[in-house]
């Protein structure tokens, strides 16, 4: 990622999640300052095509909201930033949500923005 300002001193803690298996396990990193975290977050596009993905660690509740939002609006229309879920709706408007109730309001306002298309057999 070629980040001159981020070195090992920028990391407060780092460990793998899950138990040892044959497949790759995620790594959770806590940075010593928000400046370093933001620098890594902004440069994550340099990893496109590498098979490495940087995602935000969300609480269980927000992760559930995020998954449901992606099911309704589509993967490319939903992302998270600093713990807030952002949904791109009609006319490229962006709505910020954090609870399932807020998602239900949004899905009732935009019921026909299905992210997934149904396959017909």
PDB file of N, CA and C in Angstrom:
ATOM      1  N   UNK A   1       0.819  -1.198   0.000  1.00  0.00           N
ATOM      2  CA  UNK A   1       0.000   0.000   0.000  1.00  0.00           C
ATOM      3  C   UNK A   1       0.858   1.254   0.000  1.00  0.00           C
ATOM      4  N   UNK A   2       2.141   1.110   0.309  1.00  0.00           N
ATOM      5  CA  UNK A   2       3.097   2.223   0.236  1.00  0.00           C
ATOM      6  C   UNK A   2       2.675   3.431   1.060  1.00  0.00           C
ATOM      7  N   UNK A   3       2.466   3.219   2.342  1.00  0.00           N
ATOM      8  CA  UNK A   3       2.088   4.290   3.256  1.00  0.00           C
ATOM      9  C   UNK A   3       3.290   4.666   4.113  1.00  0.00           C
ATOM     10  N   UNK A   4       3.898   5.776   3.793  1.00  0.00           N
ATOM     11  CA  UNK A   4       5.102   6.202   4.500  1.00  0.00           C
ATOM     12  C   UNK A   4       4.813   6.562   5.959  1.00  0.00           C
ATOM     13  N   UNK A   5       3.612   7.047   6.250  1.00  0.00           N
ATOM     14  CA  UNK A   5       3.293   7.502   7.604  1.00  0.00           C
ATOM     15  C   UNK A   5       2.833   6.372   8.525  1.00  0.00           C
ATOM     16  N   UNK A   6       2.586   5.184   7.965  1.00  0.00           N
ATOM     17  CA  UNK A   6       2.090   4.068   8.774  1.00  0.00           C
ATOM     18  C   UNK A   6       3.181   3.000   8.873  1.00  0.00           C
ATOM     19  N   UNK A   7       3.650   2.774  10.084  1.00  0.00           N
ATOM     20  CA  UNK A   7       4.636   1.723  10.327  1.00  0.00           C
ATOM     21  C   UNK A   7       4.158   0.877  11.504  1.00  0.00           C
ATOM     22  N   UNK A   8       4.994  -0.001  12.025  1.00  0.00           N
ATOM     23  CA  UNK A   8       4.582  -0.892  13.116  1.00  0.00           C
ATOM     24  C   UNK A   8       4.203  -0.117  14.380  1.00  0.00           C
ATOM     25  N   UNK A   9       4.741   1.082  14.563  1.00  0.00           N
ATOM     26  CA  UNK A   9       4.378   1.897  15.727  1.00  0.00           C
ATOM     27  C   UNK A   9       2.950   2.435  15.639  1.00  0.00           C
ATOM     28  N   UNK A  10       2.370   2.416  14.451  1.00  0.00           N
ATOM     29  CA  UNK A  10       1.004   2.900  14.260  1.00  0.00           C
ATOM     30  C   UNK A  10      -0.033   1.880  14.709  1.00  0.00           C
ATOM     31  N   UNK A  11       0.405   0.647  14.950  1.00  0.00           N
ATOM     32  CA  UNK A  11      -0.514  -0.416  15.336  1.00  0.00           C
ATOM     33  C   UNK A  11      -0.465  -0.636  16.841  1.00  0.00           C
ATOM     34  N   UNK A  12      -1.617  -0.472  17.473  1.00  0.00           N
ATOM     35  CA  UNK A  12      -1.722  -0.683  18.919  1.00  0.00           C
ATOM     36  C   UNK A  12      -1.833  -2.166  19.246  1.00  0.00           C
ATOM     37  N   UNK A  13      -2.686  -2.876  18.507  1.00  0.00           N
ATOM     38  CA  UNK A  13      -2.808  -4.325  18.682  1.00  0.00           C
ATOM     39  C   UNK A  13      -3.246  -4.949  17.373  1.00  0.00           C
ATOM     40  N   UNK A  14      -2.947  -6.235  17.236  1.00  0.00           N
ATOM     41  CA  UNK A  14      -3.247  -6.940  16.004  1.00  0.00           C
ATOM     42  C   UNK A  14      -3.318  -8.431  16.312  1.00  0.00           C
ATOM     43  N   UNK A  15      -4.374  -9.095  15.878  1.00  0.00           N
ATOM     44  CA  UNK A  15      -4.462 -10.549  16.061  1.00  0.00           C
ATOM     45  C   UNK A  15      -5.412 -11.165  15.049  1.00  0.00           C
ATOM     46  N   UNK A  16      -5.249 -12.473  14.856  1.00  0.00           N
ATOM     47  CA  UNK A  16      -6.115 -13.222  13.943  1.00  0.00           C
ATOM     48  C   UNK A  16      -7.400 -13.598  14.655  1.00  0.00           C
ATOM     49  N   UNK A  17      -8.481 -13.705  13.899  1.00  0.00           N
ATOM     50  CA  UNK A  17      -9.762 -14.141  14.440  1.00  0.00           C
ATOM     51  C   UNK A  17      -9.984 -15.612  14.105  1.00  0.00           C
ATOM     52  N   UNK A  18     -10.763 -16.290  14.935  1.00  0.00           N
ATOM     53  CA  UNK A  18     -11.114 -17.677  14.680  1.00  0.00           C
ATOM     54  C   UNK A  18     -10.034 -18.655  15.098  1.00  0.00           C
ATOM     55  N   UNK A  19     -10.269 -19.910  14.737  1.00  0.00           N
ATOM     56  CA  UNK A  19      -9.316 -20.969  15.082  1.00  0.00           C
ATOM     57  C   UNK A  19      -8.517 -21.364  13.850  1.00  0.00           C
ATOM     58  N   UNK A  20      -7.399 -21.986  14.087  1.00  0.00           N
ATOM     59  CA  UNK A  20      -6.494 -22.365  13.012  1.00  0.00           C
ATOM     60  C   UNK A  20      -7.145 -23.431  12.131  1.00  0.00           C
ATOM     61  N   UNK A  21      -7.281 -23.106  10.841  1.00  0.00           N
ATOM     62  CA  UNK A  21      -7.832 -24.031   9.854  1.00  0.00           C
ATOM     63  C   UNK A  21      -7.012 -23.928   8.583  1.00  0.00           C
ATOM     64  N   UNK A  22      -7.441 -24.638   7.546  1.00  0.00           N
ATOM     65  CA  UNK A  22      -6.722 -24.606   6.275  1.00  0.00           C
ATOM     66  C   UNK A  22      -6.941 -23.317   5.489  1.00  0.00           C
ATOM     67  N   UNK A  23      -8.034 -22.593   5.786  1.00  0.00           N
ATOM     68  CA  UNK A  23      -8.296 -21.375   5.025  1.00  0.00           C
ATOM     69  C   UNK A  23      -7.783 -20.132   5.766  1.00  0.00           C
ATOM     70  N   UNK A  24      -7.664 -19.046   5.021  1.00  0.00           N
ATOM     71  CA  UNK A  24      -7.164 -17.784   5.580  1.00  0.00           C
ATOM     72  C   UNK A  24      -8.114 -17.258   6.653  1.00  0.00           C
ATOM     73  N   UNK A  25      -7.551 -16.746   7.739  1.00  0.00           N
ATOM     74  CA  UNK A  25      -8.354 -16.150   8.803  1.00  0.00           C
ATOM     75  C   UNK A  25      -8.210 -14.640   8.770  1.00  0.00           C
ATOM     76  N   UNK A  26      -9.290 -13.927   9.113  1.00  0.00           N
ATOM     77  CA  UNK A  26      -9.194 -12.463   9.131  1.00  0.00           C
ATOM     78  C   UNK A  26      -8.277 -11.981  10.252  1.00  0.00           C
ATOM     79  N   UNK A  27      -7.735 -10.813  10.051  1.00  0.00           N
ATOM     80  CA  UNK A  27      -6.877 -10.164  11.043  1.00  0.00           C
ATOM     81  C   UNK A  27      -7.565  -8.881  11.477  1.00  0.00           C
ATOM     82  N   UNK A  28      -7.630  -8.667  12.771  1.00  0.00           N
ATOM     83  CA  UNK A  28      -8.212  -7.423  13.280  1.00  0.00           C
ATOM     84  C   UNK A  28      -7.064  -6.536  13.777  1.00  0.00           C
ATOM     85  N   UNK A  29      -7.098  -5.271  13.378  1.00  0.00           N
ATOM     86  CA  UNK A  29      -6.027  -4.333  13.711  1.00  0.00           C
ATOM     87  C   UNK A  29      -6.625  -3.127  14.417  1.00  0.00           C
ATOM     88  N   UNK A  30      -6.008  -2.730  15.510  1.00  0.00           N
ATOM     89  CA  UNK A  30      -6.388  -1.495  16.199  1.00  0.00           C
ATOM     90  C   UNK A  30      -5.207  -0.534  16.064  1.00  0.00           C
ATOM     91  N   UNK A  31      -5.502   0.631  15.492  1.00  0.00           N
ATOM     92  CA  UNK A  31      -4.449   1.624  15.270  1.00  0.00           C
ATOM     93  C   UNK A  31      -4.292   2.523  16.480  1.00  0.00           C
ATOM     94  N   UNK A  32      -3.092   3.067  16.641  1.00  0.00           N
ATOM     95  CA  UNK A  32      -2.815   3.928  17.792  1.00  0.00           C
ATOM     96  C   UNK A  32      -3.434   5.315  17.623  1.00  0.00           C
ATOM     97  N   UNK A  33      -3.760   5.698  16.385  1.00  0.00           N
ATOM     98  CA  UNK A  33      -4.424   6.989  16.176  1.00  0.00           C
ATOM     99  C   UNK A  33      -5.354   6.900  14.974  1.00  0.00           C
ATOM    100  N   UNK A  34      -6.344   7.766  14.960  1.00  0.00           N
ATOM    101  CA  UNK A  34      -7.298   7.812  13.855  1.00  0.00           C
ATOM    102  C   UNK A  34      -6.612   8.243  12.554  1.00  0.00           C
ATOM    103  N   UNK A  35      -5.563   9.020  12.650  1.00  0.00           N
ATOM    104  CA  UNK A  35      -4.847   9.477  11.457  1.00  0.00           C
ATOM    105  C   UNK A  35      -4.326   8.276  10.671  1.00  0.00           C
ATOM    106  N   UNK A  36      -3.755   7.309  11.386  1.00  0.00           N
ATOM    107  CA  UNK A  36      -3.217   6.114  10.732  1.00  0.00           C
ATOM    108  C   UNK A  36      -4.343   5.261  10.155  1.00  0.00           C
ATOM    109  N   UNK A  37      -5.400   5.108  10.912  1.00  0.00           N
ATOM    110  CA  UNK A  37      -6.548   4.319  10.453  1.00  0.00           C
ATOM    111  C   UNK A  37      -7.129   4.908   9.176  1.00  0.00           C
ATOM    112  N   UNK A  38      -7.306   6.210   9.137  1.00  0.00           N
ATOM    113  CA  UNK A  38      -7.855   6.889   7.968  1.00  0.00           C
ATOM    114  C   UNK A  38      -6.920   6.747   6.770  1.00  0.00           C
ATOM    115  N   UNK A  39      -5.607   6.840   7.003  1.00  0.00           N
ATOM    116  CA  UNK A  39      -4.636   6.699   5.915  1.00  0.00           C
ATOM    117  C   UNK A  39      -4.729   5.310   5.277  1.00  0.00           C
ATOM    118  N   UNK A  40      -4.842   4.275   6.097  1.00  0.00           N
ATOM    119  CA  UNK A  40      -4.971   2.913   5.580  1.00  0.00           C
ATOM    120  C   UNK A  40      -6.302   2.768   4.845  1.00  0.00           C
ATOM    121  N   UNK A  41      -7.375   3.279   5.442  1.00  0.00           N
ATOM    122  CA  UNK A  41      -8.708   3.171   4.839  1.00  0.00           C
ATOM    123  C   UNK A  41      -8.750   3.835   3.462  1.00  0.00           C
ATOM    124  N   UNK A  42      -8.150   5.016   3.336  1.00  0.00           N
ATOM    125  CA  UNK A  42      -8.185   5.743   2.073  1.00  0.00           C
ATOM    126  C   UNK A  42      -7.335   5.080   0.989  1.00  0.00           C
ATOM    127  N   UNK A  43      -6.316   4.338   1.384  1.00  0.00           N
ATOM    128  CA  UNK A  43      -5.431   3.729   0.387  1.00  0.00           C
ATOM    129  C   UNK A  43      -5.770   2.271   0.100  1.00  0.00           C
ATOM    130  N   UNK A  44      -6.886   1.773   0.626  1.00  0.00           N
ATOM    131  CA  UNK A  44      -7.232   0.368   0.430  1.00  0.00           C
ATOM    132  C   UNK A  44      -7.548   0.031  -1.024  1.00  0.00           C
ATOM    133  N   UNK A  45      -7.848   1.028  -1.850  1.00  0.00           N
ATOM    134  CA  UNK A  45      -8.115   0.762  -3.265  1.00  0.00           C
ATOM    135  C   UNK A  45      -6.872   0.226  -3.974  1.00  0.00           C
ATOM    136  N   UNK A  46      -5.700   0.446  -3.421  1.00  0.00           N
ATOM    137  CA  UNK A  46      -4.470  -0.085  -4.017  1.00  0.00           C
ATOM    138  C   UNK A  46      -4.438  -1.612  -3.969  1.00  0.00           C
ATOM    139  N   UNK A  47      -5.310  -2.211  -3.156  1.00  0.00           N
ATOM    140  CA  UNK A  47      -5.344  -3.661  -3.016  1.00  0.00           C
ATOM    141  C   UNK A  47      -6.299  -4.340  -3.989  1.00  0.00           C
ATOM    142  N   UNK A  48      -6.977  -3.566  -4.838  1.00  0.00           N
ATOM    143  CA  UNK A  48      -7.932  -4.149  -5.789  1.00  0.00           C
ATOM    144  C   UNK A  48      -7.259  -5.224  -6.626  1.00  0.00           C
ATOM    145  N   UNK A  49      -7.940  -6.352  -6.723  1.00  0.00           N
ATOM    146  CA  UNK A  49      -7.431  -7.459  -7.522  1.00  0.00           C
ATOM    147  C   UNK A  49      -6.398  -8.320  -6.823  1.00  0.00           C
ATOM    148  N   UNK A  50      -6.003  -7.960  -5.604  1.00  0.00           N
ATOM    149  CA  UNK A  50      -4.969  -8.711  -4.893  1.00  0.00           C
ATOM    150  C   UNK A  50      -5.534  -9.865  -4.068  1.00  0.00           C
ATOM    151  N   UNK A  51      -6.850  -9.867  -3.863  1.00  0.00           N
ATOM    152  CA  UNK A  51      -7.449 -10.891  -3.009  1.00  0.00           C
ATOM    153  C   UNK A  51      -7.473 -10.498  -1.542  1.00  0.00           C
ATOM    154  N   UNK A  52      -6.898  -9.341  -1.229  1.00  0.00           N
ATOM    155  CA  UNK A  52      -6.891  -8.825   0.138  1.00  0.00           C
ATOM    156  C   UNK A  52      -7.973  -7.758   0.246  1.00  0.00           C
ATOM    157  N   UNK A  53      -8.777  -7.845   1.297  1.00  0.00           N
ATOM    158  CA  UNK A  53      -9.881  -6.912   1.488  1.00  0.00           C
ATOM    159  C   UNK A  53      -9.761  -6.278   2.867  1.00  0.00           C
ATOM    160  N   UNK A  54      -9.965  -4.976   2.934  1.00  0.00           N
ATOM    161  CA  UNK A  54      -9.992  -4.278   4.213  1.00  0.00           C
ATOM    162  C   UNK A  54     -11.428  -3.862   4.469  1.00  0.00           C
ATOM    163  N   UNK A  55     -11.977  -4.315   5.601  1.00  0.00           N
ATOM    164  CA  UNK A  55     -13.338  -3.953   5.965  1.00  0.00           C
ATOM    165  C   UNK A  55     -13.348  -3.427   7.387  1.00  0.00           C
ATOM    166  N   UNK A  56     -14.422  -2.746   7.701  1.00  0.00           N
ATOM    167  CA  UNK A  56     -14.611  -2.209   9.033  1.00  0.00           C
ATOM    168  C   UNK A  56     -15.194  -3.277   9.943  1.00  0.00           C
ATOM    169  N   UNK A  57     -14.784  -3.289  11.188  1.00  0.00           N
ATOM    170  CA  UNK A  57     -15.366  -4.189  12.173  1.00  0.00           C
ATOM    171  C   UNK A  57     -16.590  -3.499  12.753  1.00  0.00           C
ATOM    172  N   UNK A  58     -17.766  -4.054  12.483  1.00  0.00           N
ATOM    173  CA  UNK A  58     -19.015  -3.488  12.972  1.00  0.00           C
ATOM    174  C   UNK A  58     -19.535  -4.313  14.142  1.00  0.00           C
ATOM    175  N   UNK A  59     -20.337  -3.689  14.992  1.00  0.00           N
ATOM    176  CA  UNK A  59     -20.984  -4.433  16.067  1.00  0.00           C
ATOM    177  C   UNK A  59     -21.927  -5.455  15.427  1.00  0.00           C
ATOM    178  N   UNK A  60     -22.318  -6.467  16.172  1.00  0.00           N
ATOM    179  CA  UNK A  60     -23.202  -7.512  15.643  1.00  0.00           C
ATOM    180  C   UNK A  60     -24.497  -6.900  15.094  1.00  0.00           C
ATOM    181  N   UNK A  61     -25.083  -5.953  15.841  1.00  0.00           N
ATOM    182  CA  UNK A  61     -26.328  -5.326  15.408  1.00  0.00           C
ATOM    183  C   UNK A  61     -26.139  -4.576  14.087  1.00  0.00           C
ATOM    184  N   UNK A  62     -25.089  -3.789  13.986  1.00  0.00           N
ATOM    185  CA  UNK A  62     -24.855  -3.027  12.757  1.00  0.00           C
ATOM    186  C   UNK A  62     -24.455  -3.934  11.602  1.00  0.00           C
ATOM    187  N   UNK A  63     -23.746  -5.015  11.895  1.00  0.00           N
ATOM    188  CA  UNK A  63     -23.393  -5.977  10.847  1.00  0.00           C
ATOM    189  C   UNK A  63     -24.660  -6.606  10.269  1.00  0.00           C
ATOM    190  N   UNK A  64     -25.625  -6.930  11.137  1.00  0.00           N
ATOM    191  CA  UNK A  64     -26.902  -7.489  10.682  1.00  0.00           C
ATOM    192  C   UNK A  64     -27.652  -6.496   9.798  1.00  0.00           C
ATOM    193  N   UNK A  65     -27.655  -5.220  10.197  1.00  0.00           N
ATOM    194  CA  UNK A  65     -28.298  -4.174   9.389  1.00  0.00           C
ATOM    195  C   UNK A  65     -27.596  -4.057   8.039  1.00  0.00           C
ATOM    196  N   UNK A  66     -26.281  -4.087   8.045  1.00  0.00           N
ATOM    197  CA  UNK A  66     -25.472  -3.980   6.834  1.00  0.00           C
ATOM    198  C   UNK A  66     -25.791  -5.121   5.864  1.00  0.00           C
ATOM    199  N   UNK A  67     -25.880  -6.338   6.373  1.00  0.00           N
ATOM    200  CA  UNK A  67     -26.178  -7.503   5.532  1.00  0.00           C
ATOM    201  C   UNK A  67     -27.566  -7.374   4.907  1.00  0.00           C
ATOM    202  N   UNK A  68     -28.541  -6.979   5.715  1.00  0.00           N
ATOM    203  CA  UNK A  68     -29.907  -6.822   5.195  1.00  0.00           C
ATOM    204  C   UNK A  68     -29.992  -5.696   4.172  1.00  0.00           C
ATOM    205  N   UNK A  69     -29.271  -4.614   4.399  1.00  0.00           N
ATOM    206  CA  UNK A  69     -29.261  -3.499   3.442  1.00  0.00           C
ATOM    207  C   UNK A  69     -28.676  -3.955   2.107  1.00  0.00           C
ATOM    208  N   UNK A  70     -27.612  -4.739   2.150  1.00  0.00           N
ATOM    209  CA  UNK A  70     -27.005  -5.241   0.921  1.00  0.00           C
ATOM    210  C   UNK A  70     -27.933  -6.200   0.179  1.00  0.00           C
ATOM    211  N   UNK A  71     -28.714  -6.976   0.930  1.00  0.00           N
ATOM    212  CA  UNK A  71     -29.676  -7.878   0.300  1.00  0.00           C
ATOM    213  C   UNK A  71     -30.734  -7.086  -0.468  1.00  0.00           C
ATOM    214  N   UNK A  72     -31.172  -5.979   0.110  1.00  0.00           N
ATOM    215  CA  UNK A  72     -32.230  -5.187  -0.523  1.00  0.00           C
ATOM    216  C   UNK A  72     -31.696  -4.260  -1.615  1.00  0.00           C
ATOM    217  N   UNK A  73     -30.646  -3.521  -1.335  1.00  0.00           N
ATOM    218  CA  UNK A  73     -30.161  -2.497  -2.255  1.00  0.00           C
ATOM    219  C   UNK A  73     -29.018  -2.948  -3.158  1.00  0.00           C
ATOM    220  N   UNK A  74     -28.336  -4.022  -2.790  1.00  0.00           N
ATOM    221  CA  UNK A  74     -27.215  -4.513  -3.590  1.00  0.00           C
ATOM    222  C   UNK A  74     -25.873  -4.166  -2.975  1.00  0.00           C
ATOM    223  N   UNK A  75     -24.900  -4.972  -3.296  1.00  0.00           N
ATOM    224  CA  UNK A  75     -23.560  -4.827  -2.707  1.00  0.00           C
ATOM    225  C   UNK A  75     -22.916  -3.498  -3.069  1.00  0.00           C
ATOM    226  N   UNK A  76     -23.064  -3.074  -4.299  1.00  0.00           N
ATOM    227  CA  UNK A  76     -22.409  -1.838  -4.748  1.00  0.00           C
ATOM    228  C   UNK A  76     -23.091  -0.579  -4.236  1.00  0.00           C
ATOM    229  N   UNK A  77     -24.281  -0.712  -3.679  1.00  0.00           N
ATOM    230  CA  UNK A  77     -25.035   0.455  -3.193  1.00  0.00           C
ATOM    231  C   UNK A  77     -24.925   0.641  -1.681  1.00  0.00           C
ATOM    232  N   UNK A  78     -24.215  -0.245  -0.986  1.00  0.00           N
ATOM    233  CA  UNK A  78     -24.115  -0.171   0.479  1.00  0.00           C
ATOM    234  C   UNK A  78     -22.665  -0.317   0.922  1.00  0.00           C
ATOM    235  N   UNK A  79     -22.264   0.504   1.862  1.00  0.00           N
ATOM    236  CA  UNK A  79     -20.933   0.414   2.449  1.00  0.00           C
ATOM    237  C   UNK A  79     -20.986   1.007   3.843  1.00  0.00           C
ATOM    238  N   UNK A  80     -19.886   0.866   4.572  1.00  0.00           N
ATOM    239  CA  UNK A  80     -19.838   1.444   5.914  1.00  0.00           C
ATOM    240  C   UNK A  80     -18.656   2.397   6.014  1.00  0.00           C
ATOM    241  N   UNK A  81     -18.816   3.367   6.882  1.00  0.00           N
ATOM    242  CA  UNK A  81     -17.764   4.335   7.128  1.00  0.00           C
ATOM    243  C   UNK A  81     -17.868   4.806   8.567  1.00  0.00           C
ATOM    244  N   UNK A  82     -16.824   4.559   9.320  1.00  0.00           N
ATOM    245  CA  UNK A  82     -16.760   4.940  10.731  1.00  0.00           C
ATOM    246  C   UNK A  82     -17.966   4.433  11.517  1.00  0.00           C
ATOM    247  N   UNK A  83     -18.363   3.191  11.238  1.00  0.00           N
ATOM    248  CA  UNK A  83     -19.432   2.544  11.976  1.00  0.00           C
ATOM    249  C   UNK A  83     -20.827   2.847  11.504  1.00  0.00           C
ATOM    250  N   UNK A  84     -20.961   3.689  10.487  1.00  0.00           N
ATOM    251  CA  UNK A  84     -22.267   4.064   9.955  1.00  0.00           C
ATOM    252  C   UNK A  84     -22.454   3.387   8.599  1.00  0.00           C
ATOM    253  N   UNK A  85     -23.654   2.863   8.352  1.00  0.00           N
ATOM    254  CA  UNK A  85     -23.960   2.221   7.087  1.00  0.00           C
ATOM    255  C   UNK A  85     -24.521   3.276   6.145  1.00  0.00           C
ATOM    256  N   UNK A  86     -23.975   3.320   4.938  1.00  0.00           N
ATOM    257  CA  UNK A  86     -24.390   4.298   3.944  1.00  0.00           C
ATOM    258  C   UNK A  86     -25.019   3.549   2.781  1.00  0.00           C
ATOM    259  N   UNK A  87     -26.212   4.001   2.380  1.00  0.00           N
ATOM    260  CA  UNK A  87     -26.942   3.382   1.281  1.00  0.00           C
ATOM    261  C   UNK A  87     -27.158   4.424   0.194  1.00  0.00           C
ATOM    262  N   UNK A  88     -26.787   4.073  -1.024  1.00  0.00           N
ATOM    263  CA  UNK A  88     -27.032   4.942  -2.170  1.00  0.00           C
ATOM    264  C   UNK A  88     -28.391   4.576  -2.749  1.00  0.00           C
ATOM    265  N   UNK A  89     -29.304   5.529  -2.745  1.00  0.00           N
ATOM    266  CA  UNK A  89     -30.662   5.293  -3.246  1.00  0.00           C
ATOM    267  C   UNK A  89     -30.860   6.066  -4.554  1.00  0.00           C
ATOM    268  N   UNK A  90     -32.089   6.207  -4.994  1.00  0.00           N
ATOM    269  CA  UNK A  90     -32.384   6.892  -6.258  1.00  0.00           C
ATOM    270  C   UNK A  90     -31.695   8.249  -6.352  1.00  0.00           C
ATOM    271  N   UNK A  91     -31.359   8.626  -7.589  1.00  0.00           N
ATOM    272  CA  UNK A  91     -30.710   9.912  -7.868  1.00  0.00           C
ATOM    273  C   UNK A  91     -29.388  10.083  -7.129  1.00  0.00           C
ATOM    274  N   UNK A  92     -28.707   8.983  -6.822  1.00  0.00           N
ATOM    275  CA  UNK A  92     -27.412   8.973  -6.124  1.00  0.00           C
ATOM    276  C   UNK A  92     -27.441   9.683  -4.770  1.00  0.00           C
ATOM    277  N   UNK A  93     -28.607   9.719  -4.141  1.00  0.00           N
ATOM    278  CA  UNK A  93     -28.699  10.254  -2.784  1.00  0.00           C
ATOM    279  C   UNK A  93     -28.144   9.213  -1.832  1.00  0.00           C
ATOM    280  N   UNK A  94     -27.496   9.670  -0.790  1.00  0.00           N
ATOM    281  CA  UNK A  94     -26.908   8.766   0.204  1.00  0.00           C
ATOM    282  C   UNK A  94     -27.636   8.926   1.529  1.00  0.00           C
ATOM    283  N   UNK A  95     -28.067   7.806   2.068  1.00  0.00           N
ATOM    284  CA  UNK A  95     -28.771   7.783   3.352  1.00  0.00           C
ATOM    285  C   UNK A  95     -27.904   7.051   4.361  1.00  0.00           C
ATOM    286  N   UNK A  96     -27.777   7.615   5.554  1.00  0.00           N
ATOM    287  CA  UNK A  96     -27.003   6.994   6.630  1.00  0.00           C
ATOM    288  C   UNK A  96     -27.952   6.322   7.600  1.00  0.00           C
ATOM    289  N   UNK A  97     -27.647   5.061   7.942  1.00  0.00           N
ATOM    290  CA  UNK A  97     -28.477   4.314   8.879  1.00  0.00           C
ATOM    291  C   UNK A  97     -27.597   3.551   9.861  1.00  0.00           C
ATOM    292  N   UNK A  98     -28.148   3.242  11.027  1.00  0.00           N
ATOM    293  CA  UNK A  98     -27.413   2.439  12.005  1.00  0.00           C
ATOM    294  C   UNK A  98     -28.284   1.368  12.662  1.00  0.00           C
ATOM    295  N   UNK A  99     -29.606   1.462  12.513  1.00  0.00           N
ATOM    296  CA  UNK A  99     -30.493   0.495  13.164  1.00  0.00           C
ATOM    297  C   UNK A  99     -31.377  -0.194  12.131  1.00  0.00           C
ATOM    298  N   UNK A 100     -31.927  -1.336  12.537  1.00  0.00           N
ATOM    299  CA  UNK A 100     -32.822  -2.088  11.670  1.00  0.00           C
ATOM    300  C   UNK A 100     -34.102  -1.283  11.410  1.00  0.00           C
ATOM    301  N   UNK A 101     -34.560  -0.510  12.396  1.00  0.00           N
ATOM    302  CA  UNK A 101     -35.751   0.326  12.218  1.00  0.00           C
ATOM    303  C   UNK A 101     -35.520   1.356  11.115  1.00  0.00           C
ATOM    304  N   UNK A 102     -34.332   1.970  11.092  1.00  0.00           N
ATOM    305  CA  UNK A 102     -34.010   2.937  10.042  1.00  0.00           C
ATOM    306  C   UNK A 102     -33.951   2.253   8.672  1.00  0.00           C
ATOM    307  N   UNK A 103     -33.462   1.017   8.639  1.00  0.00           N
ATOM    308  CA  UNK A 103     -33.422   0.266   7.388  1.00  0.00           C
ATOM    309  C   UNK A 103     -34.836  -0.043   6.906  1.00  0.00           C
ATOM    310  N   UNK A 104     -35.725  -0.429   7.817  1.00  0.00           N
ATOM    311  CA  UNK A 104     -37.109  -0.727   7.430  1.00  0.00           C
ATOM    312  C   UNK A 104     -37.798   0.505   6.845  1.00  0.00           C
ATOM    313  N   UNK A 105     -37.529   1.674   7.412  1.00  0.00           N
ATOM    314  CA  UNK A 105     -38.093   2.919   6.870  1.00  0.00           C
ATOM    315  C   UNK A 105     -37.561   3.138   5.455  1.00  0.00           C
ATOM    316  N   UNK A 106     -36.270   2.927   5.264  1.00  0.00           N
ATOM    317  CA  UNK A 106     -35.640   3.128   3.961  1.00  0.00           C
ATOM    318  C   UNK A 106     -36.159   2.128   2.927  1.00  0.00           C
ATOM    319  N   UNK A 107     -36.316   0.869   3.315  1.00  0.00           N
ATOM    320  CA  UNK A 107     -36.810  -0.126   2.363  1.00  0.00           C
ATOM    321  C   UNK A 107     -38.278   0.113   2.003  1.00  0.00           C
ATOM    322  N   UNK A 108     -39.035   0.701   2.917  1.00  0.00           N
ATOM    323  CA  UNK A 108     -40.432   1.025   2.571  1.00  0.00           C
ATOM    324  C   UNK A 108     -40.497   2.249   1.654  1.00  0.00           C
ATOM    325  N   UNK A 109     -39.542   3.164   1.785  1.00  0.00           N
ATOM    326  CA  UNK A 109     -39.487   4.329   0.898  1.00  0.00           C
ATOM    327  C   UNK A 109     -38.987   3.951  -0.493  1.00  0.00           C
ATOM    328  N   UNK A 110     -38.099   2.960  -0.572  1.00  0.00           N
ATOM    329  CA  UNK A 110     -37.488   2.527  -1.829  1.00  0.00           C
ATOM    330  C   UNK A 110     -37.670   1.014  -1.985  1.00  0.00           C
ATOM    331  N   UNK A 111     -38.905   0.556  -2.197  1.00  0.00           N
ATOM    332  CA  UNK A 111     -39.158  -0.883  -2.234  1.00  0.00           C
ATOM    333  C   UNK A 111     -38.667  -1.587  -3.499  1.00  0.00           C
ATOM    334  N   UNK A 112     -38.471  -0.873  -4.585  1.00  0.00           N
ATOM    335  CA  UNK A 112     -38.144  -1.510  -5.859  1.00  0.00           C
ATOM    336  C   UNK A 112     -36.671  -1.424  -6.224  1.00  0.00           C
ATOM    337  N   UNK A 113     -35.816  -1.186  -5.271  1.00  0.00           N
ATOM    338  CA  UNK A 113     -34.379  -1.111  -5.566  1.00  0.00           C
ATOM    339  C   UNK A 113     -33.697  -2.398  -5.186  1.00  0.00           C
ATOM    340  N   UNK A 114     -34.209  -3.499  -5.616  1.00  0.00           N
ATOM    341  CA  UNK A 114     -33.616  -4.793  -5.298  1.00  0.00           C
ATOM    342  C   UNK A 114     -32.222  -4.877  -5.873  1.00  0.00           C
ATOM    343  N   UNK A 115     -31.276  -5.251  -5.042  1.00  0.00           N
ATOM    344  CA  UNK A 115     -29.894  -5.384  -5.485  1.00  0.00           C
ATOM    345  C   UNK A 115     -29.652  -6.668  -6.240  1.00  0.00           C
ATOM    346  N   UNK A 116     -30.358  -7.696  -5.874  1.00  0.00           N
ATOM    347  CA  UNK A 116     -30.185  -8.994  -6.508  1.00  0.00           C
ATOM    348  C   UNK A 116     -31.290  -9.198  -7.534  1.00  0.00           C
ATOM    349  N   UNK A 117     -30.930  -9.804  -8.622  1.00  0.00           N
ATOM    350  CA  UNK A 117     -31.929 -10.149  -9.611  1.00  0.00           C
ATOM    351  C   UNK A 117     -32.233 -11.630  -9.470  1.00  0.00           C
ATOM    352  N   UNK A 118     -33.490 -11.966  -9.600  1.00  0.00           N
ATOM    353  CA  UNK A 118     -33.899 -13.359  -9.482  1.00  0.00           C
ATOM    354  C   UNK A 118     -33.635 -14.064 -10.816  1.00  0.00           C
ATOM    355  N   UNK A 119     -33.057 -15.251 -10.704  1.00  0.00           N
ATOM    356  CA  UNK A 119     -32.801 -16.051 -11.898  1.00  0.00           C
ATOM    357  C   UNK A 119     -34.061 -16.841 -12.226  1.00  0.00           C
ATOM    358  N   UNK A 120     -34.380 -16.849 -13.479  1.00  0.00           N
ATOM    359  CA  UNK A 120     -35.515 -17.661 -13.910  1.00  0.00           C
ATOM    360  C   UNK A 120     -34.994 -18.902 -14.596  1.00  0.00           C
ATOM    361  N   UNK A 121     -35.625 -20.017 -14.328  1.00  0.00           N
ATOM    362  CA  UNK A 121     -35.086 -21.269 -14.820  1.00  0.00           C
ATOM    363  C   UNK A 121     -35.850 -21.801 -15.892  1.00  0.00           C
TER     364      UNK A 121
END
